[in-house]
């Protein structure tokens, strides 16, 4: 990359204006989410990533968002976290528009576990304290244990004080994912967003991550984005997105009985799993 191109990219990031902070901050009255008639475009001349989108997640409910790539799943989750604001419609948490919730309170209300979690070149402890700056060492240890990170910490030269990248210390994708889940445990937010949190992991790490996630989402309101149909089998509700809108929604059993878009997705994925090199 040329220096001019690199400088242009840096300047484009520096030019991004932060979203407006709410003047009259309101407090959500519960851990439930509603997206109502939302349309969002990533740029003025782009097609809508979501259009007239409406969906909801009740308190302590697991809602799965499924659909083909580009259907609007990650955009919907980003709107809830207020990574960006909808041009039309409203996104609400606990009956309050996310635009009217203070940024600190919104961050404390929602935890987001990404498909490819990034960690800073700091110690494990520093990376965890992003979620809770005043956390004690005992709290960090408890969060790491809950996220099944004991084996990771046990092999690091300075334990959770080890600086990532130092002395050749690097973590695999699955290990980084477990550390990010430990951070979510420490934060203890009532709403959890999981964006393909087990995608692209080897079998061993996927099993450990799934075990950690099962603990993390207990008694939480959860919205999970997934491509693997078996991942969403235990959801209370599945919302199938297509072309930025809701194609169908209901419980896994209801959607299978409907013999619609979800049933076809399950069929195609089942056929793919049975494929082998002859």
Protein backbone atom coordinates (compact mmCIF):
# COMPACT_ATOMS: atom_id res chain seq x y z
CA UNK A 1 0.00 0.00 0.00
CA UNK A 2 1.32 3.44 -0.89
CA UNK A 3 1.88 5.97 1.90
CA UNK A 4 -0.68 8.36 0.36
CA UNK A 5 -3.31 5.60 0.33
CA UNK A 6 -2.54 4.71 3.94
CA UNK A 7 -2.81 8.35 5.02
CA UNK A 8 -6.11 8.68 3.16
CA UNK A 9 -7.50 5.64 5.00
CA UNK A 10 -6.40 7.00 8.38
CA UNK A 11 -7.91 10.40 7.61
CA UNK A 12 -11.18 8.80 6.52
CA UNK A 13 -11.43 7.19 9.96
CA UNK A 14 -10.50 10.39 11.78
CA UNK A 15 -13.18 12.25 9.83
CA UNK A 16 -15.95 9.99 11.11
CA UNK A 17 -18.18 11.96 13.45
CA UNK A 18 -19.37 10.25 16.65
CA UNK A 19 -23.08 9.63 17.01
CA UNK A 20 -24.91 12.35 18.91
CA UNK A 21 -25.20 11.78 22.66
CA UNK A 22 -28.71 11.86 24.08
CA UNK A 23 -29.55 15.22 25.71
CA UNK A 24 -32.36 13.95 27.92
CA UNK A 25 -31.06 10.51 28.81
CA UNK A 26 -33.64 7.84 29.58
CA UNK A 27 -33.26 4.51 31.35
CA UNK A 28 -34.57 1.29 29.75
CA UNK A 29 -37.35 -0.36 31.74
CA UNK A 30 -36.25 -3.89 30.94
CA UNK A 31 -34.00 -6.15 28.87
CA UNK A 32 -36.22 -6.50 25.81
CA UNK A 33 -35.46 -5.36 22.28
CA UNK A 34 -37.67 -4.10 19.48
CA UNK A 35 -36.75 -3.05 15.96
CA UNK A 36 -39.73 -1.32 14.38
CA UNK A 37 -40.09 -0.42 10.67
CA UNK A 38 -36.35 0.24 10.35
CA UNK A 39 -34.59 1.11 7.11
CA UNK A 40 -30.83 1.57 7.01
CA UNK A 41 -28.41 2.36 4.17
CA UNK A 42 -24.65 2.33 4.64
CA UNK A 43 -24.41 5.25 2.21
CA UNK A 44 -26.90 7.58 0.54
CA UNK A 45 -26.62 5.94 -2.88
CA UNK A 46 -26.59 2.33 -1.58
CA UNK A 47 -29.50 -0.09 -1.54
CA UNK A 48 -31.01 -0.55 1.93
CA UNK A 49 -29.20 -3.15 4.03
CA UNK A 50 -32.50 -3.54 5.89
CA UNK A 51 -35.84 -2.18 4.75
CA UNK A 52 -38.98 -1.77 6.87
CA UNK A 53 -37.50 -4.33 9.26
CA UNK A 54 -39.48 -5.25 12.36
CA UNK A 55 -38.51 -7.88 14.91
CA UNK A 56 -38.32 -8.26 18.67
CA UNK A 57 -36.70 -10.23 21.49
CA UNK A 58 -38.45 -10.51 24.85
CA UNK A 59 -36.67 -10.62 28.18
CA UNK A 60 -34.77 -13.89 28.74
CA UNK A 61 -35.66 -15.04 25.21
CA UNK A 62 -33.22 -16.48 22.67
CA UNK A 63 -33.94 -15.17 19.18
CA UNK A 64 -31.95 -16.47 16.22
CA UNK A 65 -31.41 -14.44 13.07
CA UNK A 66 -30.78 -16.63 10.04
CA UNK A 67 -30.68 -16.05 6.32
CA UNK A 68 -28.27 -15.82 3.39
CA UNK A 69 -25.25 -13.50 3.38
CA UNK A 70 -26.34 -9.90 2.85
CA UNK A 71 -29.82 -10.45 4.27
CA UNK A 72 -29.33 -7.88 7.06
CA UNK A 73 -28.48 -10.00 10.11
CA UNK A 74 -25.32 -8.20 11.20
CA UNK A 75 -26.85 -4.83 10.32
CA UNK A 76 -29.76 -5.53 12.68
CA UNK A 77 -27.36 -6.38 15.52
CA UNK A 78 -25.27 -3.28 14.80
CA UNK A 79 -28.37 -1.10 15.07
CA UNK A 80 -29.16 -2.53 18.51
CA UNK A 81 -25.61 -1.76 19.68
CA UNK A 82 -25.91 1.66 18.04
CA UNK A 83 -22.84 1.26 15.89
CA UNK A 84 -24.93 3.40 13.53
CA UNK A 85 -28.43 4.91 13.53
CA UNK A 86 -31.37 3.97 11.35
CA UNK A 87 -32.51 6.51 8.77
CA UNK A 88 -36.11 5.41 9.29
CA UNK A 89 -37.96 3.63 12.07
CA UNK A 90 -36.86 3.04 15.65
CA UNK A 91 -34.62 0.67 17.62
CA UNK A 92 -35.66 0.32 21.25
CA UNK A 93 -34.33 -1.36 24.37
CA UNK A 94 -36.65 -1.60 27.33
CA UNK A 95 -39.15 0.64 25.55
CA UNK A 96 -36.58 3.44 25.07
CA UNK A 97 -35.10 4.46 21.72
CA UNK A 98 -31.37 3.66 21.74
CA UNK A 99 -30.74 7.27 20.66
CA UNK A 100 -32.14 8.39 24.03
CA UNK A 101 -29.98 6.03 26.10
CA UNK A 102 -26.65 7.35 27.36
CA UNK A 103 -23.65 5.77 25.67
CA UNK A 104 -22.21 4.37 28.89
CA UNK A 105 -25.52 2.85 29.91
CA UNK A 106 -26.05 1.37 26.46
CA UNK A 107 -22.58 -0.21 26.58
CA UNK A 108 -23.38 -1.67 30.00
CA UNK A 109 -26.70 -3.02 28.72
CA UNK A 110 -25.48 -4.80 25.59
CA UNK A 111 -22.57 -7.23 25.10
CA UNK A 112 -21.49 -8.11 21.56
CA UNK A 113 -19.43 -11.23 20.81
CA UNK A 114 -18.14 -11.04 17.25
CA UNK A 115 -17.24 -13.82 14.84
CA UNK A 116 -13.57 -12.79 14.90
CA UNK A 117 -12.81 -11.17 18.24
CA UNK A 118 -9.84 -8.82 18.30
CA UNK A 119 -7.65 -8.35 21.34
CA UNK A 120 -5.32 -5.46 22.09
CA UNK A 121 -1.57 -5.92 22.40
CA UNK A 122 -1.91 -5.63 26.16
CA UNK A 123 -2.19 -8.16 28.96
CA UNK A 124 -5.13 -10.55 29.20
CA UNK A 125 -6.18 -8.65 32.34
CA UNK A 126 -6.14 -5.31 30.49
CA UNK A 127 -8.22 -6.78 27.68
CA UNK A 128 -10.80 -8.01 30.17
CA UNK A 129 -10.94 -4.74 32.09
CA UNK A 130 -12.21 -2.99 28.96
CA UNK A 131 -15.57 -4.37 30.07
CA UNK A 132 -15.15 -3.40 33.74
CA UNK A 133 -12.19 -1.10 34.50
CA UNK A 134 -12.43 -1.52 38.28
CA UNK A 135 -12.64 -5.34 38.22
CA UNK A 136 -10.57 -7.14 40.86
CA UNK A 137 -8.18 -9.95 40.01
CA UNK A 138 -10.62 -12.35 41.66
CA UNK A 139 -13.39 -11.18 39.32
CA UNK A 140 -11.11 -11.63 36.31
CA UNK A 141 -10.20 -15.13 37.41
CA UNK A 142 -13.88 -16.01 37.89
CA UNK A 143 -14.79 -14.69 34.42
CA UNK A 144 -11.92 -16.60 32.79
CA UNK A 145 -12.95 -19.79 34.54
CA UNK A 146 -16.59 -19.36 33.46
CA UNK A 147 -15.42 -18.93 29.84
CA UNK A 148 -13.35 -22.12 30.06
CA UNK A 149 -10.04 -20.28 29.75
CA UNK A 150 -8.16 -22.09 32.54
CA UNK A 151 -6.02 -24.00 30.05
CA UNK A 152 -5.07 -20.77 28.24
CA UNK A 153 -4.07 -18.93 31.41
CA UNK A 154 -2.25 -22.00 32.73
CA UNK A 155 0.21 -22.10 29.83
CA UNK A 156 0.96 -18.35 29.64
CA UNK A 157 4.25 -17.30 31.26
CA UNK A 158 2.69 -14.59 33.46
CA UNK A 159 -0.84 -15.95 33.54
CA UNK A 160 -3.46 -13.29 32.89
CA UNK A 161 -0.71 -10.67 33.25
CA UNK A 162 0.91 -11.91 30.04
CA UNK A 163 1.07 -9.28 27.29
CA UNK A 164 -0.25 -10.70 24.03
CA UNK A 165 2.41 -10.74 21.33
CA UNK A 166 5.27 -10.64 23.82
CA UNK A 167 7.76 -13.51 24.01
CA UNK A 168 6.02 -15.11 21.04
CA UNK A 169 2.73 -15.32 22.93
CA UNK A 170 -0.14 -15.56 20.48
CA UNK A 171 -3.61 -17.04 20.77
CA UNK A 172 -5.55 -19.05 18.22
CA UNK A 173 -8.90 -17.82 16.93
CA UNK A 174 -10.79 -20.11 19.29
CA UNK A 175 -8.70 -18.99 22.26
CA UNK A 176 -9.29 -15.31 21.43
CA UNK A 177 -12.99 -16.09 21.22
CA UNK A 178 -13.00 -17.59 24.70
CA UNK A 179 -11.18 -14.53 26.09
CA UNK A 180 -13.82 -12.29 24.50
CA UNK A 181 -16.53 -14.40 26.12
CA UNK A 182 -14.75 -13.99 29.47
CA UNK A 183 -14.95 -10.25 28.88
CA UNK A 184 -18.70 -10.60 28.32
CA UNK A 185 -19.00 -12.60 31.55
CA UNK A 186 -17.22 -9.81 33.40
CA UNK A 187 -19.50 -7.18 31.88
CA UNK A 188 -22.62 -9.18 32.81
CA UNK A 189 -24.90 -7.21 30.47
CA UNK A 190 -28.56 -8.26 30.35
CA UNK A 191 -28.60 -8.35 26.52
CA UNK A 192 -26.17 -10.53 24.54
CA UNK A 193 -25.57 -10.32 20.78
CA UNK A 194 -23.71 -13.26 19.26
CA UNK A 195 -22.56 -12.78 15.67
CA UNK A 196 -21.43 -16.15 14.29
CA UNK A 197 -19.54 -16.69 17.54
CA UNK A 198 -18.57 -20.30 16.75
CA UNK A 199 -17.92 -19.93 13.02
CA UNK A 200 -14.59 -21.08 11.55
CA UNK A 201 -13.45 -22.84 14.73
CA UNK A 202 -11.89 -26.27 14.96
CA UNK A 203 -13.94 -28.97 16.69
CA UNK A 204 -12.12 -28.74 20.04
CA UNK A 205 -12.39 -24.97 20.32
CA UNK A 206 -15.96 -24.95 19.04
CA UNK A 207 -16.95 -27.35 21.82
CA UNK A 208 -15.29 -25.18 24.47
CA UNK A 209 -16.76 -21.97 23.06
CA UNK A 210 -20.24 -23.49 22.92
CA UNK A 211 -19.88 -24.59 26.54
CA UNK A 212 -18.85 -21.07 27.56
CA UNK A 213 -21.69 -19.50 25.60
CA UNK A 214 -24.24 -21.81 27.21
CA UNK A 215 -23.20 -20.41 30.59
CA UNK A 216 -23.02 -16.82 29.35
CA UNK A 217 -26.58 -16.63 27.99
CA UNK A 218 -28.37 -18.04 31.03
CA UNK A 219 -31.15 -15.67 32.13
CA UNK A 220 -30.17 -13.18 29.41
CA UNK A 221 -31.97 -11.73 26.42
CA UNK A 222 -30.04 -13.17 23.49
CA UNK A 223 -29.97 -12.44 19.79
CA UNK A 224 -27.79 -14.93 17.92
CA UNK A 225 -26.73 -14.70 14.28
CA UNK A 226 -25.92 -18.08 12.78
CA UNK A 227 -25.56 -19.94 9.50
CA UNK A 228 -25.50 -23.42 11.00
CA UNK A 229 -29.07 -24.56 11.54
CA UNK A 230 -28.13 -26.87 14.40
CA UNK A 231 -26.84 -23.83 16.29
CA UNK A 232 -30.34 -22.31 16.44
CA UNK A 233 -32.29 -25.47 17.27
CA UNK A 234 -32.70 -24.39 20.91
CA UNK A 235 -33.88 -20.84 20.14
CA UNK A 236 -37.27 -19.66 21.39
CA UNK A 237 -37.84 -17.89 18.09
CA UNK A 238 -36.16 -17.91 14.70
CA UNK A 239 -36.37 -14.88 12.42
CA UNK A 240 -35.52 -15.63 8.81
CA UNK A 241 -34.21 -12.56 6.98
CA UNK A 242 -34.14 -12.18 3.23
CA UNK A 243 -33.27 -9.07 1.20
CA UNK A 244 -33.25 -6.93 4.33
CA UNK A 245 -36.68 -7.94 5.60
CA UNK A 246 -38.40 -10.71 7.54
CA UNK A 247 -39.32 -13.67 5.33
CA UNK A 248 -40.81 -15.72 8.17
CA UNK A 249 -40.53 -16.20 11.92
CA UNK A 250 -41.62 -18.62 14.59
CA UNK A 251 -40.31 -21.45 16.75
CA UNK A 252 -38.04 -24.05 15.09
CA UNK A 253 -40.93 -26.55 15.08
CA UNK A 254 -43.38 -24.04 13.61
CA UNK A 255 -41.01 -23.11 10.81
CA UNK A 256 -40.25 -26.72 9.94
CA UNK A 257 -43.99 -27.48 9.79
CA UNK A 258 -44.51 -24.44 7.55
CA UNK A 259 -42.24 -25.95 4.89
CA UNK A 260 -40.99 -22.53 3.81
CA UNK A 261 -37.66 -20.70 3.58
CA UNK A 262 -36.25 -22.11 6.84
CA UNK A 263 -37.15 -25.68 5.90
CA UNK A 264 -35.33 -25.25 2.60
CA UNK A 265 -32.26 -23.85 4.38
CA UNK A 266 -32.19 -26.88 6.69
CA UNK A 267 -32.56 -29.25 3.73
CA UNK A 268 -29.72 -27.66 1.77
CA UNK A 269 -27.42 -27.63 4.78
CA UNK A 270 -28.19 -31.28 5.56
CA UNK A 271 -27.34 -32.22 1.97
CA UNK A 272 -24.08 -30.26 2.24
CA UNK A 273 -23.08 -32.10 5.41
CA UNK A 274 -23.53 -35.45 3.63
CA UNK A 275 -21.25 -34.39 0.76
CA UNK A 276 -17.91 -36.17 0.45
CA UNK A 277 -15.02 -36.40 -2.01
CA UNK A 278 -15.51 -39.53 -4.08
